[in-house]
């Protein structure tokens, strides 16, 4: 049976994947020449929300992740993997 510490750990998002997502969103946005405000508008989000995601301060929902991926024209896995930028620029 999991301990309280294990349960707490399972409830928090992985720092690694949060960092990768934040880095990839910023990189995709910059490659496409979009401001945070423009990306936010495309995703029906607020600019400050996009900024906090890029800083790794937010844990995005699957729905928002899909909206962001669609705005960039990439797959959700492209946003969540270190190879995402490399793979999407080869397409």
N, C-alpha and C. Protein backbone atom coordinates (compact mmCIF):
# COMPACT_ATOMS: atom_id res chain seq x y z
N UNK A 1 0.84 -1.18 0.00
CA UNK A 1 0.00 0.00 0.00
C UNK A 1 0.89 1.25 0.00
N UNK A 2 0.58 2.26 -0.87
CA UNK A 2 1.42 3.46 -0.95
C UNK A 2 1.39 4.27 0.34
N UNK A 3 2.53 4.84 0.66
CA UNK A 3 2.62 5.71 1.83
C UNK A 3 2.11 7.09 1.45
N UNK A 4 1.92 7.96 2.45
CA UNK A 4 1.47 9.32 2.17
C UNK A 4 2.46 10.05 1.27
N UNK A 5 3.74 9.84 1.49
CA UNK A 5 4.77 10.48 0.67
C UNK A 5 4.65 10.03 -0.78
N UNK A 6 4.44 8.76 -0.99
CA UNK A 6 4.28 8.23 -2.34
C UNK A 6 3.03 8.80 -3.00
N UNK A 7 1.94 8.88 -2.25
CA UNK A 7 0.70 9.44 -2.79
C UNK A 7 0.90 10.89 -3.19
N UNK A 8 1.57 11.66 -2.33
CA UNK A 8 1.82 13.06 -2.65
C UNK A 8 2.66 13.20 -3.91
N UNK A 9 3.63 12.35 -4.06
CA UNK A 9 4.52 12.37 -5.22
C UNK A 9 3.73 12.05 -6.50
N UNK A 10 2.81 11.11 -6.41
CA UNK A 10 2.01 10.71 -7.57
C UNK A 10 1.05 11.80 -8.01
N UNK A 11 0.67 12.66 -7.11
CA UNK A 11 -0.29 13.73 -7.43
C UNK A 11 0.37 14.93 -8.10
N UNK A 12 1.67 15.07 -7.98
CA UNK A 12 2.37 16.21 -8.57
C UNK A 12 2.85 15.85 -9.98
N UNK A 13 2.81 16.82 -10.89
CA UNK A 13 3.33 16.55 -12.22
C UNK A 13 4.84 16.38 -12.19
N UNK A 14 5.34 15.59 -13.09
CA UNK A 14 6.77 15.39 -13.20
C UNK A 14 7.46 16.70 -13.56
N UNK A 15 8.48 17.06 -12.82
CA UNK A 15 9.22 18.29 -13.14
C UNK A 15 9.86 18.19 -14.52
N UNK A 16 10.31 17.01 -14.87
CA UNK A 16 10.96 16.81 -16.17
C UNK A 16 10.00 17.08 -17.32
N UNK A 17 8.81 16.50 -17.26
CA UNK A 17 7.87 16.68 -18.37
C UNK A 17 7.33 18.10 -18.39
N UNK A 18 7.18 18.71 -17.23
CA UNK A 18 6.75 20.11 -17.17
C UNK A 18 7.79 21.00 -17.82
N UNK A 19 9.07 20.73 -17.55
CA UNK A 19 10.16 21.51 -18.14
C UNK A 19 10.21 21.31 -19.66
N UNK A 20 10.05 20.07 -20.11
CA UNK A 20 10.07 19.79 -21.55
C UNK A 20 8.93 20.49 -22.25
N UNK A 21 7.73 20.39 -21.67
CA UNK A 21 6.56 21.05 -22.26
C UNK A 21 6.78 22.56 -22.33
N UNK A 22 7.24 23.14 -21.26
CA UNK A 22 7.47 24.59 -21.22
C UNK A 22 8.47 25.01 -22.30
N UNK A 23 9.56 24.29 -22.39
CA UNK A 23 10.60 24.59 -23.37
C UNK A 23 10.08 24.43 -24.80
N UNK A 24 9.34 23.36 -25.04
CA UNK A 24 8.83 23.11 -26.39
C UNK A 24 7.81 24.15 -26.81
N UNK A 25 6.92 24.54 -25.92
CA UNK A 25 5.92 25.55 -26.27
C UNK A 25 6.62 26.86 -26.62
N UNK A 26 7.58 27.26 -25.82
CA UNK A 26 8.31 28.50 -26.12
C UNK A 26 9.05 28.38 -27.46
N UNK A 27 9.70 27.25 -27.69
CA UNK A 27 10.46 27.07 -28.93
C UNK A 27 9.54 27.07 -30.15
N UNK A 28 8.44 26.32 -30.09
CA UNK A 28 7.49 26.29 -31.21
C UNK A 28 6.93 27.69 -31.46
N UNK A 29 6.63 28.41 -30.41
CA UNK A 29 6.06 29.75 -30.55
C UNK A 29 7.07 30.69 -31.21
N UNK A 30 8.32 30.62 -30.76
CA UNK A 30 9.34 31.49 -31.32
C UNK A 30 9.67 31.13 -32.77
N UNK A 31 9.72 29.82 -33.07
CA UNK A 31 9.98 29.38 -34.45
C UNK A 31 8.92 29.93 -35.39
N UNK A 32 7.69 29.97 -34.92
CA UNK A 32 6.57 30.44 -35.75
C UNK A 32 6.38 31.96 -35.68
N UNK A 33 7.22 32.62 -34.91
CA UNK A 33 7.16 34.08 -34.82
C UNK A 33 5.90 34.59 -34.13
N UNK A 34 5.39 33.82 -33.18
CA UNK A 34 4.18 34.20 -32.47
C UNK A 34 4.52 34.83 -31.13
N UNK A 35 3.76 35.82 -30.75
CA UNK A 35 3.86 36.35 -29.39
C UNK A 35 3.04 35.45 -28.47
N UNK A 36 3.25 35.59 -27.18
CA UNK A 36 2.41 34.85 -26.24
C UNK A 36 0.95 35.24 -26.42
N UNK A 37 0.72 36.49 -26.68
CA UNK A 37 -0.64 36.98 -26.87
C UNK A 37 -1.30 36.34 -28.10
N UNK A 38 -0.56 36.24 -29.20
CA UNK A 38 -1.10 35.64 -30.42
C UNK A 38 -1.41 34.15 -30.20
N UNK A 39 -0.50 33.45 -29.54
CA UNK A 39 -0.74 32.03 -29.26
C UNK A 39 -1.94 31.88 -28.35
N UNK A 40 -2.03 32.71 -27.33
CA UNK A 40 -3.16 32.65 -26.40
C UNK A 40 -4.48 32.84 -27.14
N UNK A 41 -4.51 33.79 -28.04
CA UNK A 41 -5.73 34.04 -28.82
C UNK A 41 -6.10 32.81 -29.67
N UNK A 42 -5.11 32.19 -30.27
CA UNK A 42 -5.35 30.99 -31.09
C UNK A 42 -5.93 29.85 -30.26
N UNK A 43 -5.56 29.80 -28.98
CA UNK A 43 -5.97 28.71 -28.09
C UNK A 43 -7.13 29.09 -27.18
N UNK A 44 -7.63 30.31 -27.32
CA UNK A 44 -8.69 30.82 -26.44
C UNK A 44 -8.26 30.79 -24.97
N UNK A 45 -7.00 31.17 -24.74
CA UNK A 45 -6.45 31.26 -23.40
C UNK A 45 -6.02 32.70 -23.15
N UNK A 46 -5.65 33.00 -21.94
CA UNK A 46 -5.13 34.32 -21.62
C UNK A 46 -3.61 34.32 -21.79
N UNK A 47 -3.07 35.47 -22.17
CA UNK A 47 -1.62 35.59 -22.38
C UNK A 47 -0.83 35.21 -21.14
N UNK A 48 -1.32 35.60 -19.98
CA UNK A 48 -0.59 35.28 -18.75
C UNK A 48 -0.59 33.77 -18.49
N UNK A 49 -1.63 33.08 -18.94
CA UNK A 49 -1.68 31.63 -18.80
C UNK A 49 -0.57 30.99 -19.64
N UNK A 50 -0.45 31.42 -20.89
CA UNK A 50 0.60 30.90 -21.78
C UNK A 50 1.97 31.17 -21.16
N UNK A 51 2.17 32.37 -20.63
CA UNK A 51 3.44 32.70 -19.99
C UNK A 51 3.75 31.79 -18.81
N UNK A 52 2.74 31.51 -18.01
CA UNK A 52 2.97 30.65 -16.85
C UNK A 52 3.23 29.20 -17.26
N UNK A 53 2.64 28.77 -18.38
CA UNK A 53 2.92 27.42 -18.90
C UNK A 53 4.37 27.37 -19.39
N UNK A 54 4.80 28.41 -20.10
CA UNK A 54 6.17 28.47 -20.60
C UNK A 54 7.20 28.53 -19.48
N UNK A 55 6.82 29.02 -18.34
CA UNK A 55 7.73 29.05 -17.18
C UNK A 55 7.63 27.78 -16.34
N UNK A 56 6.75 26.88 -16.73
CA UNK A 56 6.59 25.62 -16.00
C UNK A 56 5.83 25.76 -14.70
N UNK A 57 5.04 26.81 -14.59
CA UNK A 57 4.29 27.07 -13.36
C UNK A 57 2.90 26.44 -13.38
N UNK A 58 2.45 26.00 -14.53
CA UNK A 58 1.10 25.46 -14.68
C UNK A 58 1.15 24.01 -15.13
N UNK A 59 0.15 23.27 -14.69
CA UNK A 59 -0.06 21.91 -15.15
C UNK A 59 -1.26 21.97 -16.09
N UNK A 60 -1.03 21.89 -17.39
CA UNK A 60 -2.11 22.07 -18.36
C UNK A 60 -3.01 20.84 -18.42
N UNK A 61 -4.25 21.08 -18.81
CA UNK A 61 -5.18 19.97 -19.02
C UNK A 61 -4.91 19.35 -20.38
N UNK A 62 -5.43 18.17 -20.59
CA UNK A 62 -5.29 17.52 -21.90
C UNK A 62 -5.97 18.35 -22.99
N UNK A 63 -7.08 18.94 -22.67
CA UNK A 63 -7.80 19.77 -23.65
C UNK A 63 -6.95 20.96 -24.09
N UNK A 64 -6.33 21.62 -23.12
CA UNK A 64 -5.48 22.76 -23.45
C UNK A 64 -4.24 22.32 -24.22
N UNK A 65 -3.70 21.19 -23.84
CA UNK A 65 -2.53 20.65 -24.54
C UNK A 65 -2.88 20.40 -26.01
N UNK A 66 -4.06 19.86 -26.24
CA UNK A 66 -4.50 19.61 -27.62
C UNK A 66 -4.69 20.92 -28.38
N UNK A 67 -5.27 21.93 -27.73
CA UNK A 67 -5.45 23.24 -28.38
C UNK A 67 -4.10 23.84 -28.79
N UNK A 68 -3.13 23.75 -27.90
CA UNK A 68 -1.80 24.31 -28.19
C UNK A 68 -1.14 23.54 -29.33
N UNK A 69 -1.22 22.22 -29.28
CA UNK A 69 -0.64 21.40 -30.36
C UNK A 69 -1.29 21.76 -31.70
N UNK A 70 -2.61 21.88 -31.72
CA UNK A 70 -3.31 22.23 -32.96
C UNK A 70 -2.91 23.61 -33.46
N UNK A 71 -2.71 24.55 -32.55
CA UNK A 71 -2.30 25.90 -32.95
C UNK A 71 -0.94 25.87 -33.66
N UNK A 72 -0.07 24.98 -33.22
CA UNK A 72 1.25 24.85 -33.84
C UNK A 72 1.25 23.90 -35.03
N UNK A 73 0.19 23.11 -35.18
CA UNK A 73 0.15 22.13 -36.26
C UNK A 73 1.07 20.95 -35.99
N UNK A 74 1.19 20.59 -34.71
CA UNK A 74 2.03 19.46 -34.31
C UNK A 74 1.19 18.50 -33.48
N UNK A 75 1.76 17.37 -33.14
CA UNK A 75 1.06 16.40 -32.31
C UNK A 75 1.31 16.69 -30.83
N UNK A 76 0.45 16.17 -29.98
CA UNK A 76 0.65 16.30 -28.54
C UNK A 76 2.00 15.68 -28.13
N UNK A 77 2.36 14.48 -28.63
CA UNK A 77 3.68 13.94 -28.28
C UNK A 77 4.85 14.87 -28.67
N UNK A 78 4.69 15.64 -29.75
CA UNK A 78 5.74 16.59 -30.11
C UNK A 78 5.95 17.63 -29.01
N UNK A 79 4.89 17.98 -28.30
CA UNK A 79 5.01 18.95 -27.22
C UNK A 79 5.60 18.34 -25.95
N UNK A 80 5.46 17.02 -25.81
CA UNK A 80 5.83 16.37 -24.56
C UNK A 80 7.15 15.63 -24.58
N UNK A 81 7.85 15.64 -25.72
CA UNK A 81 9.11 14.92 -25.81
C UNK A 81 10.25 15.86 -26.18
N UNK A 82 11.43 15.50 -25.72
CA UNK A 82 12.61 16.32 -26.04
C UNK A 82 12.89 16.32 -27.54
N UNK A 83 12.49 15.28 -28.23
CA UNK A 83 12.71 15.20 -29.67
C UNK A 83 11.62 15.91 -30.46
N UNK A 84 10.62 16.44 -29.78
CA UNK A 84 9.47 17.05 -30.44
C UNK A 84 9.82 18.13 -31.43
N UNK A 85 10.69 19.04 -31.05
CA UNK A 85 11.09 20.13 -31.94
C UNK A 85 11.82 19.58 -33.16
N UNK A 86 12.76 18.69 -32.91
CA UNK A 86 13.53 18.11 -34.02
C UNK A 86 12.63 17.36 -34.98
N UNK A 87 11.72 16.56 -34.45
CA UNK A 87 10.82 15.76 -35.29
C UNK A 87 9.88 16.63 -36.10
N UNK A 88 9.36 17.68 -35.52
CA UNK A 88 8.37 18.49 -36.22
C UNK A 88 9.01 19.37 -37.27
N UNK A 89 10.27 19.74 -37.11
CA UNK A 89 10.92 20.58 -38.11
C UNK A 89 11.39 19.76 -39.31
N UNK A 90 11.41 18.43 -39.18
CA UNK A 90 11.77 17.56 -40.28
C UNK A 90 10.59 17.32 -41.22
N UNK A 91 9.38 17.57 -40.73
CA UNK A 91 8.16 17.29 -41.51
C UNK A 91 8.03 18.21 -42.68
